[in-house]
C-alpha atoms as a PDB file:
ATOM      1  CA  MET A   1     -19.725-100.694 -34.339  1.00  0.00           C
ATOM      2  CA  ASN A   2     -20.700 -98.941 -31.357  1.00  0.00           C
ATOM      3  CA  LYS A   3     -24.124 -96.705 -31.678  1.00  0.00           C
ATOM      4  CA  ASN A   4     -22.286 -93.928 -29.318  1.00  0.00           C
ATOM      5  CA  GLU A   5     -19.790 -93.458 -32.441  1.00  0.00           C
ATOM      6  CA  TYR A   6     -22.024 -91.750 -34.525  1.00  0.00           C
ATOM      7  CA  LYS A   7     -24.028 -89.120 -33.063  1.00  0.00           C
ATOM      8  CA  SER A   8     -26.519 -86.958 -34.933  1.00  0.00           C
ATOM      9  CA  SER A   9     -25.930 -83.228 -34.446  1.00  0.00           C
ATOM     10  CA  GLY A  10     -28.969 -81.725 -32.386  1.00  0.00           C
ATOM     11  CA  ALA A  11     -30.529 -78.422 -32.097  1.00  0.00           C
ATOM     12  CA  GLY A  12     -28.218 -77.730 -28.990  1.00  0.00           C
ATOM     13  CA  GLU A  13     -24.993 -77.991 -31.126  1.00  0.00           C
ATOM     14  CA  LEU A  14     -26.142 -75.777 -33.669  1.00  0.00           C
ATOM     15  CA  LEU A  15     -26.983 -73.012 -31.524  1.00  0.00           C
ATOM     16  CA  PRO A  16     -23.756 -71.018 -31.152  1.00  0.00           C
ATOM     17  CA  TYR A  17     -23.696 -71.072 -35.090  1.00  0.00           C
ATOM     18  CA  PHE A  18     -27.178 -69.561 -35.395  1.00  0.00           C
ATOM     19  CA  ALA A  19     -26.013 -66.985 -32.403  1.00  0.00           C
ATOM     20  CA  PHE A  20     -23.197 -66.067 -34.540  1.00  0.00           C
ATOM     21  CA  VAL A  21     -24.956 -65.556 -37.841  1.00  0.00           C
ATOM     22  CA  ILE A  22     -27.511 -63.285 -36.085  1.00  0.00           C
ATOM     23  CA  VAL A  23     -25.282 -61.195 -34.276  1.00  0.00           C
ATOM     24  CA  PHE A  24     -23.237 -60.866 -37.409  1.00  0.00           C
ATOM     25  CA  PHE A  25     -26.331 -59.695 -39.379  1.00  0.00           C
ATOM     26  CA  LEU A  26     -27.140 -57.454 -36.638  1.00  0.00           C
ATOM     27  CA  VAL A  27     -23.823 -55.918 -36.210  1.00  0.00           C
ATOM     28  CA  LEU A  28     -23.688 -55.685 -40.223  1.00  0.00           C
ATOM     29  CA  GLY A  29     -27.215 -53.711 -40.478  1.00  0.00           C
ATOM     30  CA  PHE A  30     -26.061 -51.282 -37.755  1.00  0.00           C
ATOM     31  CA  VAL A  31     -22.707 -50.646 -39.952  1.00  0.00           C
ATOM     32  CA  LEU A  32     -24.864 -49.983 -42.896  1.00  0.00           C
ATOM     33  CA  THR A  33     -27.337 -47.668 -41.293  1.00  0.00           C
ATOM     34  CA  GLY A  34     -24.420 -45.513 -39.769  1.00  0.00           C
ATOM     35  CA  LEU A  35     -22.898 -45.508 -43.388  1.00  0.00           C
ATOM     36  CA  LYS A  36     -26.160 -44.438 -44.805  1.00  0.00           C
ATOM     37  CA  GLU A  37     -26.405 -41.650 -42.008  1.00  0.00           C
ATOM     38  CA  ALA A  38     -23.191 -40.244 -42.649  1.00  0.00           C
ATOM     39  CA  ARG A  39     -23.890 -40.050 -46.352  1.00  0.00           C
ATOM     40  CA  ASP A  40     -26.955 -38.349 -45.815  1.00  0.00           C
ATOM     41  CA  ALA A  41     -25.347 -35.981 -43.282  1.00  0.00           C
ATOM     42  CA  SER A  42     -22.534 -35.464 -45.655  1.00  0.00           C
ATOM     43  CA  ASP A  43     -25.141 -34.795 -48.695  1.00  0.00           C
ATOM     44  CA  ALA A  44     -27.034 -32.145 -46.515  1.00  0.00           C
ATOM     45  CA  GLU A  45     -23.617 -30.241 -45.682  1.00  0.00           C
ATOM     46  CA  GLY A  46     -22.555 -30.074 -49.180  1.00  0.00           C
ATOM     47  CA  PHE A  47     -26.018 -28.736 -50.113  1.00  0.00           C
ATOM     48  CA  ARG A  48     -25.793 -26.102 -47.331  1.00  0.00           C
ATOM     49  CA  ILE A  49     -22.184 -25.020 -48.653  1.00  0.00           C
ATOM     50  CA  VAL A  50     -23.350 -24.723 -52.033  1.00  0.00           C
ATOM     51  CA  GLU A  51     -26.194 -22.267 -51.325  1.00  0.00           C
ATOM     52  CA  SER A  52     -24.310 -20.089 -48.939  1.00  0.00           C
ATOM     53  CA  SER A  53     -21.046 -19.928 -51.090  1.00  0.00           C
ATOM     54  CA  ILE A  54     -23.685 -18.822 -53.811  1.00  0.00           C
ATOM     55  CA  GLN A  55     -25.278 -16.285 -51.471  1.00  0.00           C
ATOM     56  CA  ARG A  56     -21.947 -15.037 -50.549  1.00  0.00           C
ATOM     57  CA  ALA A  57     -20.642 -14.431 -53.894  1.00  0.00           C
ATOM     58  CA  ILE A  58     -23.661 -12.565 -54.981  1.00  0.00           C
ATOM     59  CA  ILE A  59     -23.374 -10.254 -51.891  1.00  0.00           C
ATOM     60  CA  ASN A  60     -19.547  -9.816 -52.540  1.00  0.00           C
ATOM     61  CA  CYS A  61     -20.338  -8.841 -56.181  1.00  0.00           C
ATOM     62  CA  TYR A  62     -22.974  -6.296 -55.001  1.00  0.00           C
ATOM     63  CA  ALA A  63     -20.335  -4.901 -52.320  1.00  0.00           C
ATOM     64  CA  SER A  64     -17.690  -4.390 -55.209  1.00  0.00           C
ATOM     65  CA  GLU A  65     -19.608  -3.574 -58.014  1.00  0.00           C
ATOM     66  CA  GLY A  66     -22.734  -1.897 -56.928  1.00  0.00           C
ATOM     67  CA  LYS A  67     -25.285  -4.343 -58.796  1.00  0.00           C
ATOM     68  CA  TYR A  68     -26.308  -7.926 -58.296  1.00  0.00           C
ATOM     69  CA  PRO A  69     -24.621 -10.298 -61.011  1.00  0.00           C
ATOM     70  CA  PRO A  70     -26.814 -10.439 -64.240  1.00  0.00           C
ATOM     71  CA  ASP A  71     -26.854 -14.119 -64.318  1.00  0.00           C
ATOM     72  CA  PHE A  72     -25.168 -17.433 -62.698  1.00  0.00           C
ATOM     73  CA  ASP A  73     -22.592 -17.843 -65.330  1.00  0.00           C
ATOM     74  CA  TYR A  74     -21.199 -14.291 -64.337  1.00  0.00           C
ATOM     75  CA  LEU A  75     -20.390 -15.514 -60.598  1.00  0.00           C
ATOM     76  CA  LYS A  76     -19.016 -18.793 -62.245  1.00  0.00           C
ATOM     77  CA  ASP A  77     -16.560 -16.644 -64.278  1.00  0.00           C
ATOM     78  CA  TYR A  78     -15.619 -13.726 -61.722  1.00  0.00           C
ATOM     79  CA  TYR A  79     -16.451 -14.895 -58.335  1.00  0.00           C
ATOM     80  CA  GLY A  80     -15.042 -18.329 -58.433  1.00  0.00           C
ATOM     81  CA  ILE A  81     -18.324 -20.318 -58.001  1.00  0.00           C
ATOM     82  CA  SER A  82     -17.896 -23.886 -58.750  1.00  0.00           C
ATOM     83  CA  ILE A  83     -20.394 -26.663 -58.121  1.00  0.00           C
ATOM     84  CA  ASP A  84     -21.112 -30.034 -59.431  1.00  0.00           C
ATOM     85  CA  GLU A  85     -23.684 -29.416 -62.043  1.00  0.00           C
ATOM     86  CA  GLU A  86     -24.841 -33.170 -62.068  1.00  0.00           C
ATOM     87  CA  LYS A  87     -25.660 -33.161 -58.519  1.00  0.00           C
ATOM     88  CA  TYR A  88     -27.221 -29.522 -58.014  1.00  0.00           C
ATOM     89  CA  PHE A  89     -29.493 -27.278 -60.229  1.00  0.00           C
ATOM     90  CA  VAL A  90     -29.267 -23.334 -59.609  1.00  0.00           C
ATOM     91  CA  ASP A  91     -32.327 -21.615 -60.509  1.00  0.00           C
ATOM     92  CA  TYR A  92     -31.195 -17.766 -60.675  1.00  0.00           C
ATOM     93  CA  ILE A  93     -33.987 -15.039 -61.269  1.00  0.00           C
ATOM     94  CA  ILE A  94     -32.999 -11.531 -61.362  1.00  0.00           C
ATOM     95  CA  PHE A  95     -35.323  -8.462 -61.172  1.00  0.00           C
ATOM     96  CA  ALA A  96     -33.073  -5.562 -61.449  1.00  0.00           C
ATOM     97  CA  ASP A  97     -29.590  -4.469 -60.805  1.00  0.00           C
ATOM     98  CA  ASN A  98     -30.324  -3.286 -57.240  1.00  0.00           C
ATOM     99  CA  ILE A  99     -32.678  -5.919 -56.116  1.00  0.00           C
ATOM    100  CA  MET A 100     -31.355  -9.243 -54.790  1.00  0.00           C
ATOM    101  CA  PRO A 101     -31.723 -12.253 -57.340  1.00  0.00           C
ATOM    102  CA  GLU A 102     -33.934 -14.925 -56.027  1.00  0.00           C
ATOM    103  CA  ILE A 103     -31.734 -18.192 -55.832  1.00  0.00           C
ATOM    104  CA  THR A 104     -33.188 -21.955 -55.699  1.00  0.00           C
ATOM    105  CA  VAL A 105     -30.692 -24.524 -55.281  1.00  0.00           C
ATOM    106  CA  LEU A 106     -32.291 -28.098 -56.041  1.00  0.00           C
ATOM    107  CA  ARG A 107     -30.502 -31.517 -55.710  1.00  0.00           C
ATOM    108  CA  MET A 108     -30.560 -33.810 -58.633  1.00  0.00           C
ATOM    109  CA  GLU A 109     -32.256 -37.030 -58.481  1.00  0.00           C
ATOM    110  CA  ARG A 110     -29.617 -39.634 -58.001  1.00  0.00           C
END
């Protein structure tokens, strides 16, 4: 047997594999970061939509009935408000029929 037939793999031969692994994990990190940012933006937009739809329903109720809705269930029953109650909590405080209610929408913990 000739000594030249059996070569041990040196660091120079493994360098392309290490480079591939590093690039793979960098790309994976960028993709996962992008997905998280997209999910966060979607959650923020959903929160904004919930708040604005409740405000519009309250104003619509006052314009059509001359008084603000007595509670949040009234908005759900008569004005078509539908929210994911596992995701959002709505605190609805009314003082009088002619004073706009105080609305607080909170995002529930995941």
